Amino acid sequence: MKLTDHSVADSPDPVRDAAIAGLLDACFGGMHGGRTFFKQVPHRRVLAWSRGGIVGHVGMDLRAMRVSDSTMHVLGIVDLCVAPTARRQGIGAALLQAAEERAEGQSFALSMADDPRLYRRAGYSRIHAADVTFLAIDELRCHSVVRRDLSEIFMAKRLAGGAWPDGPIDLLGHLF
């Protein structure tokens, strides 16, 4: 397996982009609609390759957000996935670790995880008081600002600095 880095500033590559879109659609039941992103293009990506094809993907969203009265710089983990035929080989863990290593001084890595098993093994914990405000995007259109309890899926890992602060969370944008 080989990992490669890609930035939003990279030149378009139709072959690579089609492979990313195909992987995301295969892993997320077609929700991406043939796009290389769901809500927004990630700032960076790490791709896992095996035998010339993409078998894994993680997007990275570097952003400032607020928790109560504190501003934090975080790494949002976006669309972490591994092709069904390549699972259980450590690719997901390698992608998550690669994203964290490229976090560029962010204080926490955050994920919205329906299945928390990989994240727990990597040291993530649920944020139990996750009263989150975010920009709702549907079908590439902003439609509202939403405030919702996301404690069932919101997970964080400290990368630098102190403990996760208590208080309402404002993502200052869309969900990861």
Protein backbone atom coordinates (compact mmCIF):
# COMPACT_ATOMS: atom_id res chain seq x y z
CA MET A 1 0.00 0.00 0.00
CA LYS A 2 1.19 3.50 -0.85
CA LEU A 3 -0.17 6.77 0.59
CA THR A 4 -0.25 9.99 -1.42
CA ASP A 5 -1.15 13.55 -0.38
CA HIS A 6 -3.38 15.85 -2.38
CA SER A 7 -4.41 19.45 -1.79
CA VAL A 8 -7.38 21.47 -2.98
CA ALA A 9 -4.75 23.54 -4.85
CA ASP A 10 -3.54 20.53 -6.91
CA SER A 11 -4.22 20.51 -10.61
CA PRO A 12 -7.32 18.53 -11.56
CA ASP A 13 -6.64 14.94 -12.58
CA PRO A 14 -9.73 13.43 -14.25
CA VAL A 15 -8.56 9.83 -13.74
CA ARG A 16 -7.71 10.33 -10.04
CA ASP A 17 -10.90 12.34 -9.45
CA ALA A 18 -13.06 9.67 -11.09
CA ALA A 19 -11.41 7.02 -8.91
CA ILE A 20 -12.04 9.09 -5.75
CA ALA A 21 -15.68 9.65 -6.73
CA GLY A 22 -16.14 5.94 -7.46
CA LEU A 23 -14.63 4.93 -4.12
CA LEU A 24 -16.76 7.43 -2.18
CA ASP A 25 -19.94 6.29 -3.94
CA ALA A 26 -19.07 2.62 -3.31
CA CYS A 27 -18.35 3.23 0.37
CA PHE A 28 -21.23 5.62 1.09
CA GLY A 29 -24.05 4.07 -0.95
CA GLY A 30 -23.99 6.60 -3.77
CA MET A 31 -24.62 9.59 -1.47
CA HIS A 32 -21.84 11.60 -3.14
CA GLY A 33 -23.60 11.47 -6.49
CA GLY A 34 -20.42 10.94 -8.51
CA ARG A 35 -18.62 13.87 -6.83
CA THR A 36 -15.27 13.83 -5.04
CA PHE A 37 -16.92 15.43 -1.99
CA PHE A 38 -20.25 15.36 -0.14
CA LYS A 39 -20.84 18.77 1.50
CA GLN A 40 -17.65 20.65 0.61
CA VAL A 41 -14.25 19.91 -0.96
CA PRO A 42 -11.75 19.00 1.79
CA HIS A 43 -8.63 21.14 2.08
CA ARG A 44 -6.39 18.09 1.82
CA ARG A 45 -6.71 14.37 1.21
CA VAL A 46 -4.63 11.30 1.82
CA LEU A 47 -5.25 8.45 -0.61
CA ALA A 48 -4.28 4.80 -0.18
CA TRP A 49 -3.25 2.96 -3.35
CA SER A 50 -2.82 -0.75 -3.96
CA ARG A 51 -1.98 -2.39 -7.29
CA GLY A 52 -2.48 0.93 -9.11
CA GLY A 53 -5.95 1.67 -7.77
CA ILE A 54 -7.34 3.80 -4.96
CA VAL A 55 -8.44 1.64 -2.04
CA GLY A 56 -8.78 4.26 0.70
CA HIS A 57 -9.50 7.93 1.27
CA VAL A 58 -9.52 10.46 4.07
CA GLY A 59 -10.33 14.14 3.65
CA MET A 60 -9.00 16.81 5.98
CA ASP A 61 -10.86 20.01 6.83
CA LEU A 62 -8.66 22.48 8.73
CA ARG A 63 -10.77 25.06 10.48
CA ALA A 64 -11.37 27.34 13.38
CA MET A 65 -14.45 26.74 15.50
CA ARG A 66 -15.83 27.86 18.84
CA VAL A 67 -16.58 25.95 22.00
CA SER A 68 -18.35 28.25 24.46
CA ASP A 69 -16.17 31.39 24.42
CA SER A 70 -12.99 29.68 23.19
CA THR A 71 -11.76 29.58 19.61
CA MET A 72 -10.10 26.31 18.63
CA HIS A 73 -8.22 25.15 15.56
CA VAL A 74 -9.24 21.63 14.61
CA LEU A 75 -8.74 18.94 12.01
CA GLY A 76 -12.06 17.65 10.72
CA ILE A 77 -11.88 14.08 9.43
CA VAL A 78 -13.93 13.87 6.24
CA ASP A 79 -15.18 10.77 4.38
CA LEU A 80 -12.71 8.26 5.82
CA CYS A 81 -13.35 5.08 3.85
CA VAL A 82 -11.74 1.91 2.53
CA ALA A 83 -12.92 -0.12 -0.46
CA PRO A 84 -14.95 -3.15 0.68
CA THR A 85 -12.43 -5.54 -0.89
CA ALA A 86 -9.51 -3.93 0.99
CA ARG A 87 -10.94 -3.76 4.51
CA ARG A 88 -9.43 -5.36 7.62
CA GLN A 89 -5.88 -4.71 6.43
CA GLY A 90 -5.12 -1.64 8.56
CA ILE A 91 -5.70 0.84 5.74
CA GLY A 92 -8.32 2.89 7.63
CA ALA A 93 -6.04 3.15 10.68
CA ALA A 94 -3.09 4.17 8.47
CA LEU A 95 -5.18 6.87 6.77
CA LEU A 96 -6.43 8.23 10.08
CA GLN A 97 -2.90 8.33 11.50
CA ALA A 98 -1.61 10.04 8.33
CA ALA A 99 -4.31 12.72 8.60
CA GLU A 100 -3.46 13.35 12.26
CA GLU A 101 0.27 13.63 11.44
CA ARG A 102 -0.58 16.31 8.85
CA ALA A 103 -2.81 18.29 11.23
CA GLU A 104 -0.38 21.24 11.25
CA GLY A 105 -0.70 22.26 14.90
CA GLN A 106 -4.46 21.77 15.25
CA SER A 107 -5.48 21.14 18.85
CA PHE A 108 -8.04 18.38 18.18
CA ALA A 109 -9.05 15.96 15.46
CA LEU A 110 -12.84 15.64 15.13
CA SER A 111 -15.04 13.12 13.40
CA MET A 112 -18.73 12.44 12.96
CA ALA A 113 -18.65 8.65 13.31
CA ASP A 114 -21.68 6.43 12.81
CA ASP A 115 -19.40 3.46 13.55
CA PRO A 116 -16.94 4.49 16.30
CA ARG A 117 -14.81 1.30 16.48
CA LEU A 118 -11.81 2.50 14.42
CA TYR A 119 -11.85 5.90 16.11
CA ARG A 120 -11.95 4.41 19.62
CA ARG A 121 -8.95 2.19 18.80
CA ALA A 122 -7.13 5.34 17.59
CA GLY A 123 -7.79 7.22 20.87
CA TYR A 124 -10.93 9.21 20.01
CA SER A 125 -13.69 9.71 22.58
CA ARG A 126 -17.30 10.72 22.25
CA ILE A 127 -18.14 14.28 23.23
CA HIS A 128 -21.13 13.65 25.45
CA ALA A 129 -22.42 17.22 25.62
CA ALA A 130 -22.28 17.92 21.89
CA ASP A 131 -24.78 20.76 21.43
CA VAL A 132 -23.58 21.71 17.94
CA THR A 133 -24.49 24.64 15.67
CA PHE A 134 -23.66 24.20 11.98
CA LEU A 135 -24.59 25.29 8.48
CA ALA A 136 -26.92 22.75 6.88
CA ILE A 137 -26.12 21.93 3.25
CA ASP A 138 -28.29 19.71 1.08
CA GLU A 139 -27.84 19.03 -2.63
CA LEU A 140 -25.08 21.67 -2.80
CA ARG A 141 -27.31 24.39 -1.33
CA CYS A 142 -27.15 26.03 2.08
CA HIS A 143 -30.60 25.99 3.60
CA SER A 144 -30.39 26.81 7.30
CA VAL A 145 -28.36 27.08 10.45
CA VAL A 146 -29.08 24.07 12.64
CA ARG A 147 -28.50 23.46 16.33
CA ARG A 148 -28.56 19.78 17.26
CA ASP A 149 -27.29 17.35 19.88
CA LEU A 150 -24.70 15.25 18.02
CA SER A 151 -23.36 13.41 21.07
CA GLU A 152 -24.18 10.04 19.42
CA ILE A 153 -21.67 10.63 16.60
CA PHE A 154 -19.32 13.50 17.58
CA MET A 155 -15.83 12.23 18.50
CA ALA A 156 -12.60 14.05 19.34
CA LYS A 157 -8.95 13.27 19.91
CA ARG A 158 -6.56 15.73 21.56
CA LEU A 159 -3.57 16.39 19.31
CA ALA A 160 -2.03 19.30 21.26
CA GLY A 161 -2.95 21.57 24.15
CA GLY A 162 -5.43 21.02 26.95
CA ALA A 163 -8.60 19.03 27.45
CA TRP A 164 -11.79 19.49 25.43
CA PRO A 165 -13.63 22.50 26.87
CA ASP A 166 -17.24 22.31 28.05
CA GLY A 167 -19.95 24.29 26.34
CA PRO A 168 -21.92 24.69 23.14
CA ILE A 169 -20.05 23.99 19.91
CA ASP A 170 -20.25 26.27 16.87
CA LEU A 171 -18.57 24.70 13.84
CA LEU A 172 -18.55 28.08 12.06
CA GLY A 173 -19.62 26.20 8.92
CA HIS A 174 -20.82 22.85 7.65
CA LEU A 175 -20.45 19.42 9.28
CA PHE A 176 -17.27 17.50 8.51
